[in-house]
N, C-alpha and C. Protein backbone atom coordinates (compact mmCIF):
# COMPACT_ATOMS: atom_id res chain seq x y z
N ILE A 1 13.36 -6.47 -24.63
CA ILE A 1 12.16 -6.22 -23.45
C ILE A 1 11.35 -6.86 -23.89
N ASP A 2 10.46 -7.83 -22.86
CA ASP A 2 9.46 -8.45 -22.85
C ASP A 2 8.46 -8.20 -23.40
N LEU A 3 7.75 -9.29 -23.84
CA LEU A 3 5.88 -8.13 -23.84
C LEU A 3 5.30 -7.86 -22.97
N TYR A 4 5.62 -8.13 -21.68
CA TYR A 4 4.85 -7.72 -20.26
C TYR A 4 5.53 -6.54 -20.38
N THR A 5 6.84 -6.25 -20.00
CA THR A 5 7.46 -5.03 -19.91
C THR A 5 6.96 -3.87 -20.40
N ASN A 6 7.06 -4.56 -22.42
CA ASN A 6 6.48 -3.31 -22.64
C ASN A 6 5.12 -2.88 -22.88
N ILE A 7 3.86 -3.46 -22.72
CA ILE A 7 2.43 -3.40 -22.30
C ILE A 7 2.59 -2.65 -21.21
N TYR A 8 3.72 -3.08 -19.73
CA TYR A 8 3.75 -1.85 -18.82
C TYR A 8 4.19 -0.47 -19.14
N LEU A 9 5.04 -0.62 -19.85
CA LEU A 9 5.19 1.16 -20.65
C LEU A 9 4.24 1.53 -21.24
N VAL A 10 3.79 0.90 -22.04
CA VAL A 10 3.07 1.79 -22.61
C VAL A 10 1.50 2.10 -21.66
N LEU A 11 1.08 1.19 -21.12
CA LEU A 11 0.21 1.74 -19.97
C LEU A 11 0.14 2.33 -18.85
N ILE A 12 1.95 2.91 -18.87
CA ILE A 12 2.41 3.68 -17.76
C ILE A 12 1.71 5.36 -19.11
N LEU A 13 2.77 5.40 -20.13
CA LEU A 13 2.71 6.15 -21.15
C LEU A 13 0.52 7.04 -21.16
N LEU A 14 -0.09 5.74 -21.30
CA LEU A 14 -1.48 5.56 -21.57
C LEU A 14 -1.72 6.81 -20.22
N TYR A 15 -1.79 6.15 -18.74
CA TYR A 15 -2.40 6.40 -17.76
C TYR A 15 -2.03 8.35 -17.48
N ARG A 16 -2.95 8.70 -16.67
CA ARG A 16 -2.67 10.14 -16.20
C ARG A 16 -2.29 9.84 -14.49
N ALA A 17 -2.58 8.77 -14.15
CA ALA A 17 -2.04 8.00 -12.92
C ALA A 17 -1.04 7.11 -12.93
N HIS A 18 -1.05 7.03 -11.58
CA HIS A 18 0.45 5.51 -11.52
C HIS A 18 -0.20 4.12 -12.38
N VAL A 19 0.11 3.18 -12.70
CA VAL A 19 -0.15 1.87 -13.00
C VAL A 19 0.50 0.88 -11.37
N ASN A 20 -0.65 0.25 -10.94
CA ASN A 20 -0.43 -1.03 -9.68
C ASN A 20 -0.08 -1.99 -10.11
N TYR A 21 -0.63 -2.55 -11.32
CA TYR A 21 -0.62 -4.13 -11.92
C TYR A 21 -1.45 -4.08 -12.73
N VAL A 22 -0.54 -4.88 -14.14
CA VAL A 22 -1.30 -5.16 -15.28
C VAL A 22 -0.94 -6.87 -15.22
N SER A 23 -2.40 -7.51 -15.71
CA SER A 23 -2.46 -8.83 -15.68
C SER A 23 -3.02 -9.25 -17.35
N VAL A 24 -2.28 -10.01 -17.87
CA VAL A 24 -2.60 -10.53 -19.10
C VAL A 24 -3.36 -12.01 -19.31
N HIS A 25 -4.11 -11.45 -20.16
CA HIS A 25 -5.11 -12.93 -20.24
C HIS A 25 -4.42 -13.97 -21.08
N PRO A 26 -4.97 -14.97 -20.34
CA PRO A 26 -3.74 -15.92 -20.91
C PRO A 26 -3.94 -16.35 -22.47
N SER A 27 -5.34 -15.73 -23.02
CA SER A 27 -5.23 -15.95 -25.15
C SER A 27 -4.29 -14.96 -25.07
N GLY A 28 -3.61 -13.96 -24.58
CA GLY A 28 -2.88 -12.85 -25.39
C GLY A 28 -3.54 -11.65 -25.50
N ARG A 29 -5.05 -11.63 -25.31
CA ARG A 29 -5.72 -10.44 -26.74
C ARG A 29 -5.82 -9.62 -25.15
N LEU A 30 -6.13 -9.58 -23.98
CA LEU A 30 -7.07 -9.09 -23.40
C LEU A 30 -6.05 -8.45 -21.97
N ALA A 31 -5.81 -7.48 -21.57
CA ALA A 31 -5.35 -7.05 -20.06
C ALA A 31 -6.03 -6.54 -19.12
N LEU A 32 -6.02 -6.65 -18.42
CA LEU A 32 -6.64 -5.91 -17.07
C LEU A 32 -5.46 -4.89 -16.77
N SER A 33 -5.57 -3.88 -16.22
CA SER A 33 -4.90 -2.94 -14.83
C SER A 33 -5.26 -2.29 -14.07
N VAL A 34 -4.69 -1.88 -13.10
CA VAL A 34 -5.24 -0.80 -12.15
C VAL A 34 -4.67 -0.05 -11.77
N SER A 35 -4.79 1.42 -11.12
CA SER A 35 -4.28 2.39 -11.42
C SER A 35 -4.49 3.25 -10.23
N LYS A 36 -3.52 3.96 -9.94
CA LYS A 36 -4.12 4.88 -8.29
C LYS A 36 -5.48 6.09 -8.63
N ASP A 37 -5.60 5.62 -10.05
CA ASP A 37 -6.63 7.07 -10.34
C ASP A 37 -7.88 6.24 -10.64
N LYS A 38 -7.99 5.10 -9.23
CA LYS A 38 -9.35 4.20 -8.85
C LYS A 38 -10.07 3.99 -10.13
N THR A 39 -8.99 3.70 -11.09
CA THR A 39 -10.01 2.61 -12.15
C THR A 39 -9.33 1.67 -12.41
N LEU A 40 -10.45 0.16 -12.95
CA LEU A 40 -9.99 -0.86 -13.71
C LEU A 40 -10.20 -1.38 -14.84
N ARG A 41 -9.08 -1.03 -15.80
CA ARG A 41 -9.19 -0.92 -17.20
C ARG A 41 -9.21 -2.19 -18.08
N THR A 42 -9.83 -2.58 -19.17
CA THR A 42 -9.87 -3.50 -20.06
C THR A 42 -9.03 -2.75 -21.28
N TRP A 43 -8.08 -3.75 -21.78
CA TRP A 43 -7.12 -3.38 -22.64
C TRP A 43 -7.30 -4.43 -23.83
N ASN A 44 -7.68 -3.96 -24.81
CA ASN A 44 -7.50 -5.00 -25.87
C ASN A 44 -5.86 -4.79 -26.83
N LEU A 45 -5.14 -5.97 -26.89
CA LEU A 45 -3.61 -5.85 -27.12
C LEU A 45 -3.88 -6.09 -28.18
N LEU A 46 -4.84 -6.18 -29.13
CA LEU A 46 -4.58 -6.44 -30.60
C LEU A 46 -4.31 -4.94 -31.55
N THR A 47 -5.03 -4.25 -30.86
CA THR A 47 -5.44 -2.41 -30.91
C THR A 47 -4.19 -2.04 -30.24
N GLY A 48 -4.19 -2.45 -28.85
CA GLY A 48 -3.63 -1.53 -27.78
C GLY A 48 -4.38 -0.54 -27.74
N ARG A 49 -5.74 -0.41 -27.95
CA ARG A 49 -6.72 0.56 -26.76
C ARG A 49 -7.16 0.39 -25.58
N SER A 50 -7.77 0.90 -24.69
CA SER A 50 -8.30 0.71 -23.68
C SER A 50 -9.65 0.16 -24.66
N ALA A 51 -10.17 -1.20 -24.08
CA ALA A 51 -11.96 -1.23 -24.54
C ALA A 51 -12.51 -1.09 -22.97
N TYR A 52 -12.54 -1.00 -22.24
CA TYR A 52 -13.62 -0.32 -21.15
C TYR A 52 -13.02 -0.11 -20.19
N VAL A 53 -13.84 0.37 -19.43
CA VAL A 53 -13.01 1.40 -17.89
C VAL A 53 -14.27 0.95 -16.93
N THR A 54 -13.83 1.06 -16.10
CA THR A 54 -14.60 0.47 -14.50
C THR A 54 -14.19 1.61 -13.07
N ASN A 55 -15.04 2.55 -12.81
CA ASN A 55 -14.26 3.82 -11.95
C ASN A 55 -14.57 2.12 -10.42
N ILE A 56 -13.71 1.96 -9.69
CA ILE A 56 -13.72 1.11 -8.24
C ILE A 56 -13.91 2.37 -7.34
N LYS A 57 -14.24 2.04 -5.71
CA LYS A 57 -14.10 3.45 -5.12
C LYS A 57 -12.65 3.23 -4.17
N GLU A 58 -11.89 3.02 -4.42
CA GLU A 58 -10.02 2.72 -4.11
C GLU A 58 -8.83 2.42 -4.82
N ALA A 59 -7.81 3.17 -4.66
CA ALA A 59 -7.11 2.26 -5.87
C ALA A 59 -6.49 1.19 -5.20
N ALA A 60 -7.11 -0.08 -6.31
CA ALA A 60 -6.48 -1.71 -6.50
C ALA A 60 -4.92 -1.88 -6.33
N PRO A 61 -4.41 -2.30 -5.71
CA PRO A 61 -3.24 -2.70 -5.94
C PRO A 61 -2.70 -4.04 -6.75
N ILE A 62 -3.84 -4.48 -6.99
CA ILE A 62 -3.60 -5.35 -7.66
C ILE A 62 -4.66 -6.40 -8.66
N VAL A 63 -4.43 -6.93 -9.56
CA VAL A 63 -5.68 -7.88 -10.39
C VAL A 63 -5.02 -9.22 -11.18
N LYS A 64 -5.96 -10.22 -11.00
CA LYS A 64 -5.26 -10.89 -11.39
C LYS A 64 -6.45 -12.06 -12.59
N TRP A 65 -5.98 -12.26 -13.73
CA TRP A 65 -7.28 -13.06 -14.19
C TRP A 65 -6.48 -14.62 -13.82
N SER A 66 -7.70 -15.78 -14.20
CA SER A 66 -7.96 -17.04 -13.11
C SER A 66 -6.63 -17.69 -14.74
N PRO A 67 -6.71 -18.75 -14.27
CA PRO A 67 -5.48 -19.60 -15.16
C PRO A 67 -6.12 -19.57 -16.98
N LEU A 68 -7.32 -19.64 -16.90
CA LEU A 68 -8.03 -19.60 -18.03
C LEU A 68 -8.87 -18.59 -18.27
N GLY A 69 -8.81 -17.84 -17.61
CA GLY A 69 -9.28 -16.80 -18.30
C GLY A 69 -10.74 -16.18 -18.08
N ASP A 70 -11.25 -17.33 -17.55
CA ASP A 70 -13.14 -17.37 -16.94
C ASP A 70 -13.25 -16.34 -16.18
N SER A 71 -11.92 -15.90 -15.12
CA SER A 71 -12.47 -15.03 -14.10
C SER A 71 -11.12 -14.01 -13.47
N TYR A 72 -11.72 -13.07 -12.97
CA TYR A 72 -10.54 -12.17 -12.39
C TYR A 72 -10.69 -12.17 -10.75
N ALA A 73 -9.63 -11.44 -10.21
CA ALA A 73 -9.60 -10.86 -9.10
C ALA A 73 -8.97 -9.91 -8.43
N VAL A 74 -9.74 -9.20 -7.50
CA VAL A 74 -8.94 -7.35 -7.45
C VAL A 74 -8.79 -7.34 -6.05
N ALA A 75 -7.74 -7.08 -5.47
CA ALA A 75 -7.49 -6.00 -3.92
C ALA A 75 -7.92 -5.06 -4.49
N VAL A 76 -8.99 -4.62 -3.43
CA VAL A 76 -9.73 -3.51 -3.23
C VAL A 76 -9.25 -3.87 -1.48
N GLY A 77 -8.27 -2.61 -1.19
CA GLY A 77 -8.40 -2.04 0.39
C GLY A 77 -7.94 -3.60 0.92
N ASN A 78 -8.96 -4.01 2.31
CA ASN A 78 -8.98 -5.48 2.80
C ASN A 78 -10.26 -6.17 2.25
N LYS A 79 -10.03 -6.28 0.89
CA LYS A 79 -11.40 -6.96 0.23
C LYS A 79 -10.68 -7.98 -1.22
N VAL A 80 -11.21 -8.92 -1.45
CA VAL A 80 -10.95 -9.61 -2.37
C VAL A 80 -12.43 -9.80 -3.54
N VAL A 81 -12.60 -9.44 -4.01
CA VAL A 81 -13.34 -9.72 -5.30
C VAL A 81 -13.07 -10.13 -6.25
N VAL A 82 -14.06 -11.16 -6.89
CA VAL A 82 -13.68 -11.88 -8.09
C VAL A 82 -15.07 -11.62 -8.97
N TYR A 83 -14.24 -11.98 -10.30
CA TYR A 83 -15.76 -11.26 -11.26
C TYR A 83 -15.70 -13.12 -12.55
N LYS A 84 -16.76 -13.14 -12.96
CA LYS A 84 -16.94 -14.08 -13.82
C LYS A 84 -17.23 -13.13 -15.21
N LEU A 85 -16.37 -13.46 -16.08
CA LEU A 85 -15.97 -12.77 -17.38
C LEU A 85 -17.73 -12.91 -18.23
N ALA A 86 -18.19 -14.59 -18.77
CA ALA A 86 -19.34 -14.86 -19.17
C ALA A 86 -20.14 -13.54 -18.77
N THR A 87 -20.09 -13.75 -17.30
CA THR A 87 -21.63 -12.93 -16.55
C THR A 87 -21.08 -11.28 -16.58
N ALA A 88 -19.63 -11.03 -16.68
CA ALA A 88 -19.58 -9.92 -16.61
C ALA A 88 -19.70 -9.39 -14.91
N ALA A 89 -20.56 -10.42 -13.86
CA ALA A 89 -21.26 -10.40 -12.76
C ALA A 89 -20.07 -10.38 -12.20
N LEU A 90 -20.61 -10.01 -10.30
CA LEU A 90 -19.50 -10.54 -8.96
C LEU A 90 -19.79 -11.69 -8.76
N SER A 91 -18.99 -13.01 -8.46
CA SER A 91 -19.30 -14.24 -8.01
C SER A 91 -18.53 -14.42 -7.10
N PHE A 92 -17.94 -13.27 -6.03
CA PHE A 92 -17.58 -13.71 -5.00
C PHE A 92 -16.60 -12.26 -4.49
N THR A 93 -16.32 -12.55 -2.86
CA THR A 93 -16.21 -11.12 -2.03
C THR A 93 -15.57 -12.02 -0.80
N MET A 94 -14.66 -11.71 -0.59
CA MET A 94 -14.04 -11.95 0.77
C MET A 94 -13.53 -10.68 1.71
N GLU A 95 -13.93 -10.13 2.50
CA GLU A 95 -12.86 -9.70 3.36
C GLU A 95 -12.18 -9.50 4.60
N PHE A 96 -11.21 -9.15 4.64
CA PHE A 96 -9.96 -9.52 5.66
C PHE A 96 -10.12 -8.18 6.68
N SER A 97 -8.92 -8.76 7.93
CA SER A 97 -9.22 -7.96 8.66
C SER A 97 -7.65 -6.53 8.13
N ARG A 98 -7.55 -7.40 7.20
CA ARG A 98 -6.00 -5.56 7.20
C ARG A 98 -6.28 -5.92 5.64
N TYR A 99 -5.15 -4.94 4.98
CA TYR A 99 -4.80 -5.16 3.42
C TYR A 99 -4.60 -6.13 2.79
N VAL A 100 -5.07 -6.40 1.69
CA VAL A 100 -4.68 -7.27 0.74
C VAL A 100 -3.54 -6.86 -0.09
N LEU A 101 -2.54 -7.67 -0.14
CA LEU A 101 -1.35 -7.37 -0.97
C LEU A 101 -0.67 -8.36 -1.95
N ALA A 102 -1.09 -9.28 -2.46
CA ALA A 102 -0.78 -10.52 -2.43
C ALA A 102 -2.48 -11.50 -3.55
N LEU A 103 -2.19 -11.81 -4.92
CA LEU A 103 -2.49 -12.57 -5.07
C LEU A 103 -2.56 -13.58 -5.77
N GLU A 104 -3.17 -14.98 -6.29
CA GLU A 104 -2.42 -15.96 -7.59
C GLU A 104 -3.43 -16.80 -7.11
N PHE A 105 -3.98 -17.30 -8.48
CA PHE A 105 -4.53 -18.14 -8.57
C PHE A 105 -3.79 -19.42 -8.86
N LEU A 106 -4.47 -20.63 -7.92
CA LEU A 106 -4.30 -21.57 -7.72
C LEU A 106 -5.04 -23.10 -9.11
N SER A 107 -6.42 -22.33 -9.21
CA SER A 107 -6.62 -23.52 -10.29
C SER A 107 -8.00 -22.09 -10.80
N GLU A 108 -8.78 -22.58 -11.59
CA GLU A 108 -10.24 -21.57 -11.71
C GLU A 108 -11.21 -20.86 -9.95
N ASN A 109 -10.90 -22.32 -9.41
CA ASN A 109 -12.15 -21.87 -7.97
C ASN A 109 -11.09 -21.75 -6.98
N MET A 110 -9.40 -21.59 -6.82
CA MET A 110 -8.47 -21.43 -6.13
C MET A 110 -8.05 -20.67 -6.14
N LEU A 111 -8.05 -19.67 -4.79
CA LEU A 111 -7.13 -18.31 -4.78
C LEU A 111 -6.31 -18.15 -3.36
N ALA A 112 -4.99 -17.97 -3.86
CA ALA A 112 -4.13 -17.77 -2.26
C ALA A 112 -4.74 -16.11 -2.77
N VAL A 113 -4.15 -15.81 -1.35
CA VAL A 113 -4.65 -14.40 -1.05
C VAL A 113 -3.75 -14.05 0.50
N GLY A 114 -2.68 -13.02 0.38
CA GLY A 114 -1.64 -12.55 1.56
C GLY A 114 -1.99 -10.90 1.54
N GLY A 115 -1.24 -10.72 2.97
CA GLY A 115 -1.35 -9.46 2.99
C GLY A 115 -0.96 -8.96 4.12
N GLU A 116 -1.43 -8.16 4.76
CA GLU A 116 -0.87 -7.20 6.20
C GLU A 116 -1.75 -7.90 7.57
N PHE A 117 -2.36 -9.03 6.81
CA PHE A 117 -3.39 -10.12 8.17
C PHE A 117 -2.10 -11.74 8.38
N GLU A 118 -2.83 -12.15 9.19
CA GLU A 118 -1.70 -13.20 9.29
C GLU A 118 -1.69 -14.64 8.46
N GLY A 119 -0.84 -14.86 8.09
CA GLY A 119 -0.68 -16.06 6.66
C GLY A 119 -1.31 -15.50 5.65
N VAL A 120 -0.95 -17.03 4.91
CA VAL A 120 -1.48 -16.97 3.52
C VAL A 120 -2.94 -17.75 3.58
N LYS A 121 -3.74 -17.36 3.22
CA LYS A 121 -5.11 -17.80 3.14
C LYS A 121 -5.72 -18.54 1.88
N ILE A 122 -5.87 -19.71 1.63
CA ILE A 122 -6.22 -20.16 0.42
C ILE A 122 -7.65 -20.45 0.37
N LEU A 123 -8.46 -19.83 -0.70
CA LEU A 123 -9.82 -19.61 -1.05
C LEU A 123 -10.28 -20.33 -2.26
N ASP A 124 -11.41 -21.05 -1.44
CA ASP A 124 -12.22 -21.86 -2.55
C ASP A 124 -13.39 -20.52 -3.04
N ILE A 125 -13.52 -20.49 -4.14
CA ILE A 125 -14.57 -19.58 -4.52
C ILE A 125 -15.90 -19.70 -4.95
N GLY A 126 -15.51 -21.12 -5.29
CA GLY A 126 -17.17 -21.80 -5.43
C GLY A 126 -17.92 -21.63 -4.32
N ARG A 127 -17.20 -22.06 -2.87
CA ARG A 127 -18.32 -22.45 -1.72
C ARG A 127 -17.78 -21.38 -1.03
N GLU A 128 -16.87 -19.89 -1.39
CA GLU A 128 -16.59 -18.91 -0.54
C GLU A 128 -16.61 -19.22 0.48
N GLN A 129 -15.59 -19.67 0.94
CA GLN A 129 -14.63 -20.05 2.12
C GLN A 129 -13.53 -19.72 2.21
N CYS A 130 -12.61 -20.06 3.43
CA CYS A 130 -11.28 -19.93 3.57
C CYS A 130 -10.86 -21.38 3.56
N ILE A 131 -10.44 -22.12 3.26
CA ILE A 131 -10.07 -24.07 3.31
C ILE A 131 -9.11 -24.14 3.69
N GLN A 132 -8.00 -22.94 3.91
CA GLN A 132 -6.74 -23.43 4.92
C GLN A 132 -5.69 -22.31 5.00
N THR A 133 -5.15 -21.91 5.61
CA THR A 133 -4.06 -21.11 6.02
C THR A 133 -2.75 -21.46 6.21
N LEU A 134 -2.30 -21.23 5.55
CA LEU A 134 -0.62 -21.23 5.69
C LEU A 134 0.36 -20.46 6.28
N GLU A 135 0.56 -21.05 7.45
CA GLU A 135 1.18 -20.23 8.54
C GLU A 135 2.68 -20.10 8.92
N GLY A 136 3.36 -18.86 8.86
CA GLY A 136 4.77 -18.83 9.51
C GLY A 136 5.59 -17.70 8.91
N HIS A 137 4.71 -16.87 8.18
CA HIS A 137 5.80 -15.49 8.22
C HIS A 137 5.35 -14.93 8.93
N ALA A 138 6.20 -14.45 9.68
CA ALA A 138 6.14 -13.26 10.97
C ALA A 138 5.92 -11.67 10.27
N THR A 139 5.78 -11.60 9.54
CA THR A 139 5.46 -10.33 9.14
C THR A 139 4.32 -10.31 7.32
N ARG A 140 3.77 -9.38 6.69
CA ARG A 140 2.76 -9.24 6.33
C ARG A 140 3.31 -9.84 4.59
N VAL A 141 2.94 -10.81 4.68
CA VAL A 141 3.04 -11.02 3.03
C VAL A 141 2.75 -10.26 1.83
N LYS A 142 3.66 -10.10 0.75
CA LYS A 142 3.78 -8.86 -0.23
C LYS A 142 3.61 -9.67 -1.60
N ASP A 143 3.86 -10.87 -1.75
CA ASP A 143 3.82 -11.05 -2.92
C ASP A 143 3.74 -12.92 -2.85
N LEU A 144 3.31 -13.53 -3.55
CA LEU A 144 3.18 -14.73 -4.71
C LEU A 144 3.54 -15.15 -6.10
N GLY A 145 3.69 -16.27 -5.72
CA GLY A 145 3.80 -17.17 -7.81
C GLY A 145 3.58 -18.17 -7.41
N VAL A 146 2.53 -19.32 -8.54
CA VAL A 146 1.88 -20.60 -8.76
C VAL A 146 3.35 -21.13 -10.07
N THR A 147 3.24 -22.23 -10.18
CA THR A 147 3.97 -23.01 -11.13
C THR A 147 4.05 -24.82 -10.86
N ASP A 148 3.56 -25.19 -11.85
CA ASP A 148 4.13 -26.76 -11.18
C ASP A 148 5.32 -26.83 -11.53
N ASP A 149 5.33 -28.55 -10.27
CA ASP A 149 6.64 -28.90 -9.71
C ASP A 149 6.92 -29.58 -10.73
N LEU A 150 7.79 -29.25 -11.79
CA LEU A 150 8.45 -29.95 -13.18
C LEU A 150 9.70 -31.14 -12.65
N LEU A 151 9.78 -30.78 -11.16
CA LEU A 151 11.21 -31.96 -11.18
C LEU A 151 10.40 -33.34 -10.75
N ARG A 152 9.35 -33.32 -10.02
CA ARG A 152 8.25 -34.72 -9.21
C ARG A 152 7.47 -35.07 -10.79
N GLU A 153 8.32 -36.64 -11.04
CA GLU A 153 7.27 -37.25 -12.22
C GLU A 153 6.65 -38.12 -11.96
N ASP A 154 6.44 -38.50 -10.25
CA ASP A 154 5.71 -39.70 -10.04
C ASP A 154 4.25 -39.45 -9.49
N LYS A 155 3.97 -38.06 -9.05
CA LYS A 155 2.84 -37.27 -9.07
C LYS A 155 2.77 -35.58 -9.06
N ARG A 156 1.63 -35.55 -9.34
CA ARG A 156 2.03 -33.71 -10.22
C ARG A 156 1.72 -33.34 -8.58
N GLN A 157 2.01 -31.87 -8.20
CA GLN A 157 2.28 -30.68 -7.21
C GLN A 157 2.11 -29.38 -8.00
N LEU A 158 1.81 -29.08 -7.00
CA LEU A 158 1.41 -27.16 -7.82
C LEU A 158 2.58 -26.80 -6.30
N LEU A 159 2.95 -26.00 -7.26
CA LEU A 159 4.16 -24.99 -5.98
C LEU A 159 3.53 -23.82 -5.95
N LEU A 160 3.65 -22.81 -4.67
CA LEU A 160 3.05 -21.76 -4.21
C LEU A 160 4.36 -21.20 -3.39
N PHE A 161 4.95 -19.91 -4.11
CA PHE A 161 5.74 -19.29 -3.44
C PHE A 161 4.80 -17.80 -2.83
N SER A 162 5.61 -17.72 -1.60
CA SER A 162 5.39 -16.63 -0.58
C SER A 162 6.68 -16.13 -0.16
N VAL A 163 6.48 -14.69 -0.46
CA VAL A 163 7.41 -13.86 0.60
C VAL A 163 6.84 -12.67 1.20
N SER A 164 7.68 -12.70 2.13
CA SER A 164 7.38 -11.44 3.21
C SER A 164 8.48 -10.23 3.43
N SER A 165 7.87 -9.35 3.93
CA SER A 165 8.53 -8.08 4.17
C SER A 165 9.82 -7.91 4.60
N ASP A 166 9.52 -9.12 5.52
CA ASP A 166 11.57 -9.44 6.16
C ASP A 166 12.24 -10.64 5.58
N GLY A 167 11.62 -10.68 4.15
CA GLY A 167 12.68 -11.13 3.27
C GLY A 167 12.89 -12.79 3.56
N ASP A 168 11.97 -13.27 4.03
CA ASP A 168 11.08 -14.58 4.09
C ASP A 168 11.02 -15.10 2.86
N LEU A 169 11.16 -15.85 2.17
CA LEU A 169 10.98 -16.45 1.13
C LEU A 169 10.52 -18.41 1.12
N ARG A 170 9.21 -18.45 1.28
CA ARG A 170 8.54 -20.10 1.34
C ARG A 170 8.22 -20.44 -0.04
N CYS A 171 8.38 -21.74 -0.19
CA CYS A 171 7.51 -22.87 -1.31
C CYS A 171 6.89 -23.40 0.08
N TRP A 172 5.41 -23.49 -0.31
CA TRP A 172 4.34 -24.79 -0.18
C TRP A 172 4.01 -25.62 -1.57
N ALA A 173 4.24 -26.66 -1.20
CA ALA A 173 3.56 -27.69 -2.07
C ALA A 173 1.77 -28.02 -2.12
N PHE A 174 1.43 -28.31 -3.06
CA PHE A 174 -0.21 -28.14 -3.09
C PHE A 174 -0.18 -29.58 -3.87
N ASN A 175 -1.52 -30.57 -3.51
CA ASN A 175 -2.21 -31.18 -3.90
C ASN A 175 -3.07 -30.71 -4.70
N PRO A 176 -2.95 -30.64 -6.35
CA PRO A 176 -3.80 -29.96 -7.50
C PRO A 176 -5.30 -30.71 -7.46
N GLU A 177 -5.31 -31.66 -6.90
CA GLU A 177 -6.76 -32.51 -7.12
C GLU A 177 -7.16 -32.70 -5.64
N ASN A 178 -6.79 -31.79 -4.56
CA ASN A 178 -7.36 -32.00 -3.29
C ASN A 178 -6.75 -30.65 -2.84
N PHE A 179 -7.58 -29.43 -2.42
CA PHE A 179 -6.85 -28.40 -2.15
C PHE A 179 -7.14 -28.42 -0.98
N GLU A 180 -7.67 -29.18 -0.19
CA GLU A 180 -8.04 -29.29 1.07
C GLU A 180 -7.19 -29.98 2.07
N GLU A 181 -6.61 -30.98 1.23
CA GLU A 181 -5.52 -31.51 1.88
C GLU A 181 -4.15 -30.72 2.00
N LYS A 182 -3.76 -30.34 3.62
CA LYS A 182 -2.52 -29.33 4.08
C LYS A 182 -1.34 -29.74 2.83
N ALA A 183 -1.22 -28.25 3.04
CA ALA A 183 -0.21 -27.92 2.11
C ALA A 183 1.02 -28.03 2.89
N LYS A 184 2.10 -28.47 2.02
CA LYS A 184 3.71 -28.76 2.52
C LYS A 184 4.36 -27.56 2.39
N LEU A 185 5.01 -27.40 3.63
CA LEU A 185 6.30 -26.52 3.05
C LEU A 185 7.83 -26.94 2.94
N VAL A 186 7.85 -26.73 1.82
CA VAL A 186 8.83 -28.08 1.34
C VAL A 186 10.20 -26.68 1.27
N ALA A 187 10.38 -25.90 1.27
CA ALA A 187 11.60 -24.86 1.54
C ALA A 187 11.51 -23.41 1.91
N LYS A 188 12.10 -22.66 2.78
CA LYS A 188 12.42 -21.52 3.25
C LYS A 188 13.48 -21.29 2.87
N LEU A 189 13.81 -19.59 2.78
CA LEU A 189 14.76 -19.28 2.25
C LEU A 189 14.66 -17.86 2.73
N PRO A 190 15.62 -17.31 3.62
CA PRO A 190 16.04 -16.20 3.97
C PRO A 190 16.70 -15.14 3.03
N THR A 191 15.78 -14.37 2.59
CA THR A 191 16.47 -13.48 1.37
C THR A 191 16.63 -12.00 2.03
N PRO A 192 17.65 -10.77 1.24
CA PRO A 192 17.90 -9.27 2.18
C PRO A 192 16.20 -8.89 1.48
N PRO A 193 15.84 -8.09 2.73
CA PRO A 193 13.90 -7.47 2.54
C PRO A 193 14.39 -6.36 1.50
């Protein structure tokens, strides 16, 4: 069993309510978790204890650390809220027409958001705006994942994978030097829903 599975099992045992999501800080020393008991918990992974508990208005389905761990994003209902770690202050909030189901940081200041609304939204946190929408999924986007394209040696690009409830898996390529440049759909694959 890997580290993330162990952390998840420990958190389930410690919680009074179901754990919705766990995100480990890039340092490996902290983790954030959200649960159905409407809390956001910070965990010290060196001691295995809860370090801080924050009550939130409703159960959050997802929480994610940024790539450097300087901030984190929480999906709460139809909102995405981003907090800066250094100041422990709210730095960005964006509201959507329907529920947010997926978050993925593309960089420290760029966030991909999917859910029960149309398309995957690419948000610029610093400028507090949506800079592009990836269209094509016929149903809600239920998960996102990001990785560097290791097969391309000529030019660095970032790959974002999105999957919708109907099993439509898509891969989008981004220029990490310019997220305003339109993302390219590089692959799509129907998978069992």
